């Protein structure tokens, strides 16, 4: 039987992969966004695992809110990247600091 420990180990592994993705690849914004999504996914796995373990629905409901916010964040981030790529021709992190309104 799969216990809560298995879910926590999987969530910790996803969290570590996400953190390594951010620290090892600071050049590409798309990889950074994907790493942030992995970190949010690991938080969702923890919430659902503890919610099921404790018999409470609060963690599962909160997980749905996090998924909604993560989807909106990804859509807005990718839209900004597309606009930036059309204007500048690159999506490198070093070049993003020259954004002007």
PDB file of N, CA and C in Angstrom:
ATOM      1  N   UNK A   1       0.841  -1.185   0.000  1.00  0.00           N
ATOM      2  CA  UNK A   1       0.000   0.000   0.000  1.00  0.00           C
ATOM      3  C   UNK A   1       0.889   1.253   0.000  1.00  0.00           C
ATOM      4  N   UNK A   2       0.432   2.244  -0.706  1.00  0.00           N
ATOM      5  CA  UNK A   2       1.181   3.495  -0.789  1.00  0.00           C
ATOM      6  C   UNK A   2       0.787   4.380   0.392  1.00  0.00           C
ATOM      7  N   UNK A   3       1.767   4.727   1.198  1.00  0.00           N
ATOM      8  CA  UNK A   3       1.519   5.564   2.359  1.00  0.00           C
ATOM      9  C   UNK A   3       1.832   7.019   2.076  1.00  0.00           C
ATOM     10  N   UNK A   4       1.662   7.831   3.097  1.00  0.00           N
ATOM     11  CA  UNK A   4       1.903   9.265   2.941  1.00  0.00           C
ATOM     12  C   UNK A   4       3.386   9.545   2.698  1.00  0.00           C
ATOM     13  N   UNK A   5       4.253   8.659   3.171  1.00  0.00           N
ATOM     14  CA  UNK A   5       5.687   8.867   2.982  1.00  0.00           C
ATOM     15  C   UNK A   5       6.066   8.876   1.507  1.00  0.00           C
ATOM     16  N   UNK A   6       5.421   8.019   0.723  1.00  0.00           N
ATOM     17  CA  UNK A   6       5.717   7.960  -0.708  1.00  0.00           C
ATOM     18  C   UNK A   6       5.352   9.272  -1.399  1.00  0.00           C
ATOM     19  N   UNK A   7       4.210   9.821  -1.029  1.00  0.00           N
ATOM     20  CA  UNK A   7       3.794  11.097  -1.613  1.00  0.00           C
ATOM     21  C   UNK A   7       4.737  12.226  -1.202  1.00  0.00           C
ATOM     22  N   UNK A   8       5.158  12.207   0.045  1.00  0.00           N
ATOM     23  CA  UNK A   8       6.062  13.256   0.516  1.00  0.00           C
ATOM     24  C   UNK A   8       7.431  13.160  -0.145  1.00  0.00           C
ATOM     25  N   UNK A   9       7.910  11.950  -0.382  1.00  0.00           N
ATOM     26  CA  UNK A   9       9.194  11.780  -1.070  1.00  0.00           C
ATOM     27  C   UNK A   9       9.079  12.246  -2.518  1.00  0.00           C
ATOM     28  N   UNK A  10       7.972  11.902  -3.180  1.00  0.00           N
ATOM     29  CA  UNK A  10       7.774  12.350  -4.567  1.00  0.00           C
ATOM     30  C   UNK A  10       7.685  13.869  -4.635  1.00  0.00           C
ATOM     31  N   UNK A  11       6.975  14.476  -3.684  1.00  0.00           N
ATOM     32  CA  UNK A  11       6.855  15.932  -3.668  1.00  0.00           C
ATOM     33  C   UNK A  11       8.202  16.588  -3.383  1.00  0.00           C
ATOM     34  N   UNK A  12       8.975  16.004  -2.476  1.00  0.00           N
ATOM     35  CA  UNK A  12      10.302  16.559  -2.185  1.00  0.00           C
ATOM     36  C   UNK A  12      11.213  16.450  -3.401  1.00  0.00           C
ATOM     37  N   UNK A  13      11.120  15.335  -4.131  1.00  0.00           N
ATOM     38  CA  UNK A  13      11.936  15.175  -5.336  1.00  0.00           C
ATOM     39  C   UNK A  13      11.556  16.211  -6.389  1.00  0.00           C
ATOM     40  N   UNK A  14      10.260  16.442  -6.585  1.00  0.00           N
ATOM     41  CA  UNK A  14       9.826  17.460  -7.542  1.00  0.00           C
ATOM     42  C   UNK A  14      10.278  18.854  -7.116  1.00  0.00           C
ATOM     43  N   UNK A  15      10.223  19.122  -5.815  1.00  0.00           N
ATOM     44  CA  UNK A  15      10.664  20.422  -5.316  1.00  0.00           C
ATOM     45  C   UNK A  15      12.155  20.628  -5.576  1.00  0.00           C
ATOM     46  N   UNK A  16      12.953  19.606  -5.305  1.00  0.00           N
ATOM     47  CA  UNK A  16      14.401  19.711  -5.515  1.00  0.00           C
ATOM     48  C   UNK A  16      14.716  19.875  -6.998  1.00  0.00           C
ATOM     49  N   UNK A  17      14.010  19.143  -7.861  1.00  0.00           N
ATOM     50  CA  UNK A  17      14.220  19.288  -9.303  1.00  0.00           C
ATOM     51  C   UNK A  17      13.877  20.707  -9.749  1.00  0.00           C
ATOM     52  N   UNK A  18      12.795  21.265  -9.209  1.00  0.00           N
ATOM     53  CA  UNK A  18      12.418  22.633  -9.552  1.00  0.00           C
ATOM     54  C   UNK A  18      13.440  23.653  -9.093  1.00  0.00           C
ATOM     55  N   UNK A  19      13.947  23.485  -7.886  1.00  0.00           N
ATOM     56  CA  UNK A  19      14.959  24.418  -7.370  1.00  0.00           C
ATOM     57  C   UNK A  19      16.249  24.305  -8.174  1.00  0.00           C
ATOM     58  N   UNK A  20      16.661  23.071  -8.484  1.00  0.00           N
ATOM     59  CA  UNK A  20      17.857  22.896  -9.316  1.00  0.00           C
ATOM     60  C   UNK A  20      17.653  23.474 -10.703  1.00  0.00           C
ATOM     61  N   UNK A  21      16.441  23.359 -11.236  1.00  0.00           N
ATOM     62  CA  UNK A  21      16.157  23.936 -12.547  1.00  0.00           C
ATOM     63  C   UNK A  21      16.309  25.444 -12.552  1.00  0.00           C
ATOM     64  N   UNK A  22      15.936  26.077 -11.457  1.00  0.00           N
ATOM     65  CA  UNK A  22      16.079  27.534 -11.373  1.00  0.00           C
ATOM     66  C   UNK A  22      17.546  27.924 -11.213  1.00  0.00           C
ATOM     67  N   UNK A  23      18.267  27.213 -10.342  1.00  0.00           N
ATOM     68  CA  UNK A  23      19.651  27.598 -10.074  1.00  0.00           C
ATOM     69  C   UNK A  23      20.619  27.199 -11.179  1.00  0.00           C
ATOM     70  N   UNK A  24      20.368  26.088 -11.850  1.00  0.00           N
ATOM     71  CA  UNK A  24      21.303  25.627 -12.870  1.00  0.00           C
ATOM     72  C   UNK A  24      21.085  26.285 -14.224  1.00  0.00           C
ATOM     73  N   UNK A  25      19.895  26.764 -14.482  1.00  0.00           N
ATOM     74  CA  UNK A  25      19.618  27.369 -15.782  1.00  0.00           C
ATOM     75  C   UNK A  25      19.001  28.743 -15.559  1.00  0.00           C
ATOM     76  N   UNK A  26      19.822  29.725 -15.380  1.00  0.00           N
ATOM     77  CA  UNK A  26      19.341  31.087 -15.154  1.00  0.00           C
ATOM     78  C   UNK A  26      19.263  31.890 -16.435  1.00  0.00           C
ATOM     79  N   UNK A  27      19.524  31.280 -17.571  1.00  0.00           N
ATOM     80  CA  UNK A  27      19.543  32.001 -18.840  1.00  0.00           C
ATOM     81  C   UNK A  27      18.195  31.990 -19.546  1.00  0.00           C
ATOM     82  N   UNK A  28      17.451  30.903 -19.436  1.00  0.00           N
ATOM     83  CA  UNK A  28      16.237  30.727 -20.211  1.00  0.00           C
ATOM     84  C   UNK A  28      15.008  30.908 -19.323  1.00  0.00           C
ATOM     85  N   UNK A  29      14.164  31.850 -19.675  1.00  0.00           N
ATOM     86  CA  UNK A  29      12.998  32.160 -18.856  1.00  0.00           C
ATOM     87  C   UNK A  29      11.975  31.037 -18.898  1.00  0.00           C
ATOM     88  N   UNK A  30      11.868  30.335 -20.015  1.00  0.00           N
ATOM     89  CA  UNK A  30      10.891  29.254 -20.119  1.00  0.00           C
ATOM     90  C   UNK A  30      11.232  28.130 -19.146  1.00  0.00           C
ATOM     91  N   UNK A  31      12.504  27.807 -19.013  1.00  0.00           N
ATOM     92  CA  UNK A  31      12.917  26.772 -18.064  1.00  0.00           C
ATOM     93  C   UNK A  31      12.651  27.233 -16.634  1.00  0.00           C
ATOM     94  N   UNK A  32      12.845  28.501 -16.364  1.00  0.00           N
ATOM     95  CA  UNK A  32      12.562  29.030 -15.026  1.00  0.00           C
ATOM     96  C   UNK A  32      11.069  28.936 -14.721  1.00  0.00           C
ATOM     97  N   UNK A  33      10.216  29.273 -15.677  1.00  0.00           N
ATOM     98  CA  UNK A  33       8.767  29.150 -15.471  1.00  0.00           C
ATOM     99  C   UNK A  33       8.361  27.695 -15.247  1.00  0.00           C
ATOM    100  N   UNK A  34       8.942  26.781 -16.000  1.00  0.00           N
ATOM    101  CA  UNK A  34       8.634  25.365 -15.809  1.00  0.00           C
ATOM    102  C   UNK A  34       9.101  24.881 -14.441  1.00  0.00           C
ATOM    103  N   UNK A  35      10.226  25.381 -13.965  1.00  0.00           N
ATOM    104  CA  UNK A  35      10.723  24.999 -12.646  1.00  0.00           C
ATOM    105  C   UNK A  35       9.814  25.530 -11.541  1.00  0.00           C
ATOM    106  N   UNK A  36       9.309  26.735 -11.711  1.00  0.00           N
ATOM    107  CA  UNK A  36       8.359  27.282 -10.737  1.00  0.00           C
ATOM    108  C   UNK A  36       7.083  26.445 -10.719  1.00  0.00           C
ATOM    109  N   UNK A  37       6.643  25.990 -11.878  1.00  0.00           N
ATOM    110  CA  UNK A  37       5.462  25.128 -11.939  1.00  0.00           C
ATOM    111  C   UNK A  37       5.716  23.801 -11.223  1.00  0.00           C
ATOM    112  N   UNK A  38       6.923  23.253 -11.335  1.00  0.00           N
ATOM    113  CA  UNK A  38       7.252  22.028 -10.600  1.00  0.00           C
ATOM    114  C   UNK A  38       7.206  22.250  -9.093  1.00  0.00           C
ATOM    115  N   UNK A  39       7.681  23.396  -8.650  1.00  0.00           N
ATOM    116  CA  UNK A  39       7.647  23.706  -7.221  1.00  0.00           C
ATOM    117  C   UNK A  39       6.204  23.826  -6.736  1.00  0.00           C
ATOM    118  N   UNK A  40       5.358  24.477  -7.520  1.00  0.00           N
ATOM    119  CA  UNK A  40       3.946  24.578  -7.145  1.00  0.00           C
ATOM    120  C   UNK A  40       3.264  23.215  -7.159  1.00  0.00           C
ATOM    121  N   UNK A  41       3.640  22.356  -8.103  1.00  0.00           N
ATOM    122  CA  UNK A  41       3.085  21.007  -8.152  1.00  0.00           C
ATOM    123  C   UNK A  41       3.479  20.210  -6.916  1.00  0.00           C
ATOM    124  N   UNK A  42       4.704  20.378  -6.460  1.00  0.00           N
ATOM    125  CA  UNK A  42       5.118  19.662  -5.250  1.00  0.00           C
ATOM    126  C   UNK A  42       4.329  20.142  -4.029  1.00  0.00           C
ATOM    127  N   UNK A  43       4.044  21.429  -3.975  1.00  0.00           N
ATOM    128  CA  UNK A  43       3.214  21.938  -2.875  1.00  0.00           C
ATOM    129  C   UNK A  43       1.808  21.355  -2.951  1.00  0.00           C
ATOM    130  N   UNK A  44       1.269  21.227  -4.158  1.00  0.00           N
ATOM    131  CA  UNK A  44      -0.061  20.640  -4.316  1.00  0.00           C
ATOM    132  C   UNK A  44      -0.083  19.177  -3.889  1.00  0.00           C
ATOM    133  N   UNK A  45       0.953  18.436  -4.228  1.00  0.00           N
ATOM    134  CA  UNK A  45       1.011  17.030  -3.818  1.00  0.00           C
ATOM    135  C   UNK A  45       1.043  16.930  -2.298  1.00  0.00           C
ATOM    136  N   UNK A  46       1.806  17.797  -1.651  1.00  0.00           N
ATOM    137  CA  UNK A  46       1.836  17.802  -0.185  1.00  0.00           C
ATOM    138  C   UNK A  46       0.467  18.121   0.399  1.00  0.00           C
ATOM    139  N   UNK A  47      -0.200  19.123  -0.151  1.00  0.00           N
ATOM    140  CA  UNK A  47      -1.517  19.494   0.365  1.00  0.00           C
ATOM    141  C   UNK A  47      -2.519  18.356   0.218  1.00  0.00           C
ATOM    142  N   UNK A  48      -2.541  17.721  -0.939  1.00  0.00           N
ATOM    143  CA  UNK A  48      -3.493  16.632  -1.167  1.00  0.00           C
ATOM    144  C   UNK A  48      -3.146  15.420  -0.308  1.00  0.00           C
ATOM    145  N   UNK A  49      -1.863  15.124  -0.154  1.00  0.00           N
ATOM    146  CA  UNK A  49      -1.459  13.975   0.661  1.00  0.00           C
ATOM    147  C   UNK A  49      -1.857  14.174   2.121  1.00  0.00           C
ATOM    148  N   UNK A  50      -1.570  15.337   2.665  1.00  0.00           N
ATOM    149  CA  UNK A  50      -1.948  15.586   4.055  1.00  0.00           C
ATOM    150  C   UNK A  50      -3.458  15.686   4.218  1.00  0.00           C
ATOM    151  N   UNK A  51      -4.133  16.204   3.216  1.00  0.00           N
ATOM    152  CA  UNK A  51      -5.587  16.280   3.267  1.00  0.00           C
ATOM    153  C   UNK A  51      -6.205  14.888   3.303  1.00  0.00           C
ATOM    154  N   UNK A  52      -5.701  13.991   2.473  1.00  0.00           N
ATOM    155  CA  UNK A  52      -6.217  12.623   2.470  1.00  0.00           C
ATOM    156  C   UNK A  52      -5.841  11.891   3.755  1.00  0.00           C
ATOM    157  N   UNK A  53      -4.647  12.150   4.264  1.00  0.00           N
ATOM    158  CA  UNK A  53      -4.184  11.487   5.482  1.00  0.00           C
ATOM    159  C   UNK A  53      -5.006  11.918   6.694  1.00  0.00           C
ATOM    160  N   UNK A  54      -5.338  13.198   6.753  1.00  0.00           N
ATOM    161  CA  UNK A  54      -6.085  13.714   7.901  1.00  0.00           C
ATOM    162  C   UNK A  54      -7.595  13.631   7.721  1.00  0.00           C
ATOM    163  N   UNK A  55      -8.050  13.302   6.513  1.00  0.00           N
ATOM    164  CA  UNK A  55      -9.488  13.197   6.269  1.00  0.00           C
ATOM    165  C   UNK A  55     -10.179  14.540   6.179  1.00  0.00           C
ATOM    166  N   UNK A  56      -9.457  15.558   5.772  1.00  0.00           N
ATOM    167  CA  UNK A  56     -10.009  16.905   5.666  1.00  0.00           C
ATOM    168  C   UNK A  56      -9.952  17.342   4.206  1.00  0.00           C
ATOM    169  N   UNK A  57     -10.973  18.049   3.740  1.00  0.00           N
ATOM    170  CA  UNK A  57     -11.004  18.495   2.351  1.00  0.00           C
ATOM    171  C   UNK A  57     -10.343  19.849   2.134  1.00  0.00           C
ATOM    172  N   UNK A  58      -9.907  20.498   3.181  1.00  0.00           N
ATOM    173  CA  UNK A  58      -9.318  21.828   3.057  1.00  0.00           C
ATOM    174  C   UNK A  58      -8.087  21.862   2.177  1.00  0.00           C
ATOM    175  N   UNK A  59      -7.225  20.884   2.310  1.00  0.00           N
ATOM    176  CA  UNK A  59      -6.014  20.835   1.498  1.00  0.00           C
ATOM    177  C   UNK A  59      -6.308  20.624   0.030  1.00  0.00           C
ATOM    178  N   UNK A  60      -7.316  19.814  -0.278  1.00  0.00           N
ATOM    179  CA  UNK A  60      -7.670  19.569  -1.674  1.00  0.00           C
ATOM    180  C   UNK A  60      -8.294  20.803  -2.312  1.00  0.00           C
ATOM    181  N   UNK A  61      -9.106  21.512  -1.562  1.00  0.00           N
ATOM    182  CA  UNK A  61      -9.705  22.744  -2.082  1.00  0.00           C
ATOM    183  C   UNK A  61      -8.631  23.804  -2.299  1.00  0.00           C
ATOM    184  N   UNK A  62      -7.729  23.930  -1.349  1.00  0.00           N
ATOM    185  CA  UNK A  62      -6.638  24.894  -1.494  1.00  0.00           C
ATOM    186  C   UNK A  62      -5.738  24.534  -2.670  1.00  0.00           C
ATOM    187  N   UNK A  63      -5.569  23.237  -2.901  1.00  0.00           N
ATOM    188  CA  UNK A  63      -4.784  22.779  -4.043  1.00  0.00           C
ATOM    189  C   UNK A  63      -5.426  23.204  -5.361  1.00  0.00           C
ATOM    190  N   UNK A  64      -6.738  23.163  -5.440  1.00  0.00           N
ATOM    191  CA  UNK A  64      -7.422  23.628  -6.654  1.00  0.00           C
ATOM    192  C   UNK A  64      -7.208  25.122  -6.874  1.00  0.00           C
ATOM    193  N   UNK A  65      -7.210  25.896  -5.810  1.00  0.00           N
ATOM    194  CA  UNK A  65      -6.931  27.328  -5.945  1.00  0.00           C
ATOM    195  C   UNK A  65      -5.499  27.565  -6.429  1.00  0.00           C
ATOM    196  N   UNK A  66      -4.556  26.804  -5.917  1.00  0.00           N
ATOM    197  CA  UNK A  66      -3.165  26.951  -6.354  1.00  0.00           C
ATOM    198  C   UNK A  66      -3.022  26.574  -7.821  1.00  0.00           C
ATOM    199  N   UNK A  67      -3.709  25.515  -8.256  1.00  0.00           N
ATOM    200  CA  UNK A  67      -3.666  25.134  -9.670  1.00  0.00           C
ATOM    201  C   UNK A  67      -4.222  26.237 -10.557  1.00  0.00           C
ATOM    202  N   UNK A  68      -5.291  26.880 -10.114  1.00  0.00           N
ATOM    203  CA  UNK A  68      -5.881  27.971 -10.887  1.00  0.00           C
ATOM    204  C   UNK A  68      -4.918  29.148 -10.993  1.00  0.00           C
ATOM    205  N   UNK A  69      -4.323  29.525  -9.892  1.00  0.00           N
ATOM    206  CA  UNK A  69      -3.374  30.638  -9.900  1.00  0.00           C
ATOM    207  C   UNK A  69      -2.138  30.284 -10.726  1.00  0.00           C
ATOM    208  N   UNK A  70      -1.676  29.039 -10.645  1.00  0.00           N
ATOM    209  CA  UNK A  70      -0.504  28.621 -11.420  1.00  0.00           C
ATOM    210  C   UNK A  70      -0.796  28.647 -12.915  1.00  0.00           C
ATOM    211  N   UNK A  71      -1.998  28.249 -13.303  1.00  0.00           N
ATOM    212  CA  UNK A  71      -2.354  28.292 -14.723  1.00  0.00           C
ATOM    213  C   UNK A  71      -2.416  29.728 -15.223  1.00  0.00           C
ATOM    214  N   UNK A  72      -2.990  30.613 -14.420  1.00  0.00           N
ATOM    215  CA  UNK A  72      -3.044  32.024 -14.809  1.00  0.00           C
ATOM    216  C   UNK A  72      -1.644  32.624 -14.866  1.00  0.00           C
ATOM    217  N   UNK A  73      -0.805  32.267 -13.913  1.00  0.00           N
ATOM    218  CA  UNK A  73       0.578  32.766 -13.903  1.00  0.00           C
ATOM    219  C   UNK A  73       1.342  32.301 -15.129  1.00  0.00           C
ATOM    220  N   UNK A  74       1.159  31.052 -15.502  1.00  0.00           N
ATOM    221  CA  UNK A  74       1.846  30.528 -16.682  1.00  0.00           C
ATOM    222  C   UNK A  74       1.348  31.202 -17.954  1.00  0.00           C
ATOM    223  N   UNK A  75       0.047  31.414 -18.053  1.00  0.00           N
ATOM    224  CA  UNK A  75      -0.503  32.054 -19.251  1.00  0.00           C
ATOM    225  C   UNK A  75      -0.019  33.495 -19.377  1.00  0.00           C
ATOM    226  N   UNK A  76      -0.028  34.229 -18.274  1.00  0.00           N
ATOM    227  CA  UNK A  76       0.429  35.619 -18.313  1.00  0.00           C
ATOM    228  C   UNK A  76       1.931  35.683 -18.580  1.00  0.00           C
ATOM    229  N   UNK A  77       2.693  34.802 -17.941  1.00  0.00           N
ATOM    230  CA  UNK A  77       4.136  34.781 -18.169  1.00  0.00           C
ATOM    231  C   UNK A  77       4.490  34.461 -19.606  1.00  0.00           C
ATOM    232  N   UNK A  78       3.812  33.492 -20.196  1.00  0.00           N
ATOM    233  CA  UNK A  78       4.094  33.156 -21.591  1.00  0.00           C
ATOM    234  C   UNK A  78       3.636  34.256 -22.539  1.00  0.00           C
ATOM    235  N   UNK A  79       2.534  34.928 -22.218  1.00  0.00           N
ATOM    236  CA  UNK A  79       2.093  36.048 -23.058  1.00  0.00           C
ATOM    237  C   UNK A  79       3.108  37.188 -23.023  1.00  0.00           C
ATOM    238  N   UNK A  80       3.639  37.480 -21.854  1.00  0.00           N
ATOM    239  CA  UNK A  80       4.676  38.511 -21.750  1.00  0.00           C
ATOM    240  C   UNK A  80       5.919  38.094 -22.527  1.00  0.00           C
ATOM    241  N   UNK A  81       6.278  36.814 -22.451  1.00  0.00           N
ATOM    242  CA  UNK A  81       7.436  36.328 -23.203  1.00  0.00           C
ATOM    243  C   UNK A  81       7.242  36.450 -24.705  1.00  0.00           C
ATOM    244  N   UNK A  82       6.049  36.135 -25.191  1.00  0.00           N
ATOM    245  CA  UNK A  82       5.785  36.246 -26.629  1.00  0.00           C
ATOM    246  C   UNK A  82       5.893  37.699 -27.073  1.00  0.00           C
ATOM    247  N   UNK A  83       5.309  38.614 -26.312  1.00  0.00           N
ATOM    248  CA  UNK A  83       5.407  40.042 -26.652  1.00  0.00           C
ATOM    249  C   UNK A  83       6.854  40.521 -26.597  1.00  0.00           C
ATOM    250  N   UNK A  84       7.590  40.089 -25.592  1.00  0.00           N
ATOM    251  CA  UNK A  84       8.987  40.497 -25.474  1.00  0.00           C
ATOM    252  C   UNK A  84       9.818  39.936 -26.621  1.00  0.00           C
ATOM    253  N   UNK A  85       9.541  38.692 -27.012  1.00  0.00           N
ATOM    254  CA  UNK A  85      10.294  38.082 -28.113  1.00  0.00           C
ATOM    255  C   UNK A  85       9.993  38.779 -29.439  1.00  0.00           C
ATOM    256  N   UNK A  86       8.764  39.225 -29.617  1.00  0.00           N
ATOM    257  CA  UNK A  86       8.422  39.954 -30.841  1.00  0.00           C
ATOM    258  C   UNK A  86       9.147  41.293 -30.907  1.00  0.00           C
ATOM    259  N   UNK A  87       9.301  41.955 -29.775  1.00  0.00           N
ATOM    260  CA  UNK A  87       9.947  43.268 -29.754  1.00  0.00           C
ATOM    261  C   UNK A  87      11.466  43.184 -29.790  1.00  0.00           C
ATOM    262  N   UNK A  88      12.051  42.250 -29.042  1.00  0.00           N
ATOM    263  CA  UNK A  88      13.503  42.197 -28.877  1.00  0.00           C
ATOM    264  C   UNK A  88      14.178  41.079 -29.661  1.00  0.00           C
ATOM    265  N   UNK A  89      13.453  40.011 -29.958  1.00  0.00           N
ATOM    266  CA  UNK A  89      14.041  38.892 -30.679  1.00  0.00           C
ATOM    267  C   UNK A  89      14.784  37.902 -29.803  1.00  0.00           C
ATOM    268  N   UNK A  90      14.698  38.055 -28.494  1.00  0.00           N
ATOM    269  CA  UNK A  90      15.372  37.142 -27.576  1.00  0.00           C
ATOM    270  C   UNK A  90      14.545  37.018 -26.301  1.00  0.00           C
ATOM    271  N   UNK A  91      14.769  35.915 -25.582  1.00  0.00           N
ATOM    272  CA  UNK A  91      14.098  35.733 -24.293  1.00  0.00           C
ATOM    273  C   UNK A  91      15.118  35.436 -23.199  1.00  0.00           C
ATOM    274  N   UNK A  92      16.337  35.880 -23.391  1.00  0.00           N
ATOM    275  CA  UNK A  92      17.378  35.658 -22.393  1.00  0.00           C
ATOM    276  C   UNK A  92      17.124  36.535 -21.166  1.00  0.00           C
ATOM    277  N   UNK A  93      17.449  36.006 -19.999  1.00  0.00           N
ATOM    278  CA  UNK A  93      17.174  36.701 -18.743  1.00  0.00           C
ATOM    279  C   UNK A  93      17.975  37.989 -18.633  1.00  0.00           C
ATOM    280  N   UNK A  94      19.202  37.999 -19.149  1.00  0.00           N
ATOM    281  CA  UNK A  94      20.025  39.211 -19.031  1.00  0.00           C
ATOM    282  C   UNK A  94      19.413  40.394 -19.760  1.00  0.00           C
ATOM    283  N   UNK A  95      18.666  40.123 -20.819  1.00  0.00           N
ATOM    284  CA  UNK A  95      18.109  41.194 -21.635  1.00  0.00           C
ATOM    285  C   UNK A  95      16.769  41.706 -21.122  1.00  0.00           C
ATOM    286  N   UNK A  96      16.165  41.027 -20.166  1.00  0.00           N
ATOM    287  CA  UNK A  96      14.841  41.416 -19.688  1.00  0.00           C
ATOM    288  C   UNK A  96      14.907  42.650 -18.799  1.00  0.00           C
ATOM    289  N   UNK A  97      16.040  42.952 -18.206  1.00  0.00           N
ATOM    290  CA  UNK A  97      16.124  44.088 -17.290  1.00  0.00           C
ATOM    291  C   UNK A  97      16.031  45.435 -17.998  1.00  0.00           C
ATOM    292  N   UNK A  98      15.953  45.452 -19.321  1.00  0.00           N
ATOM    293  CA  UNK A  98      15.835  46.712 -20.047  1.00  0.00           C
ATOM    294  C   UNK A  98      14.383  47.016 -20.417  1.00  0.00           C
ATOM    295  N   UNK A  99      13.426  46.365 -19.760  1.00  0.00           N
ATOM    296  CA  UNK A  99      12.014  46.620 -20.039  1.00  0.00           C
ATOM    297  C   UNK A  99      11.647  48.041 -19.632  1.00  0.00           C
ATOM    298  N   UNK A 100      10.932  48.690 -20.498  1.00  0.00           N
ATOM    299  CA  UNK A 100      10.450  50.043 -20.211  1.00  0.00           C
ATOM    300  C   UNK A 100       8.990  50.116 -20.608  1.00  0.00           C
ATOM    301  N   UNK A 101       8.195  50.868 -19.840  1.00  0.00           N
ATOM    302  CA  UNK A 101       6.763  50.955 -20.103  1.00  0.00           C
ATOM    303  C   UNK A 101       6.398  51.976 -21.036  1.00  0.00           C
TER     304      UNK A 101
END
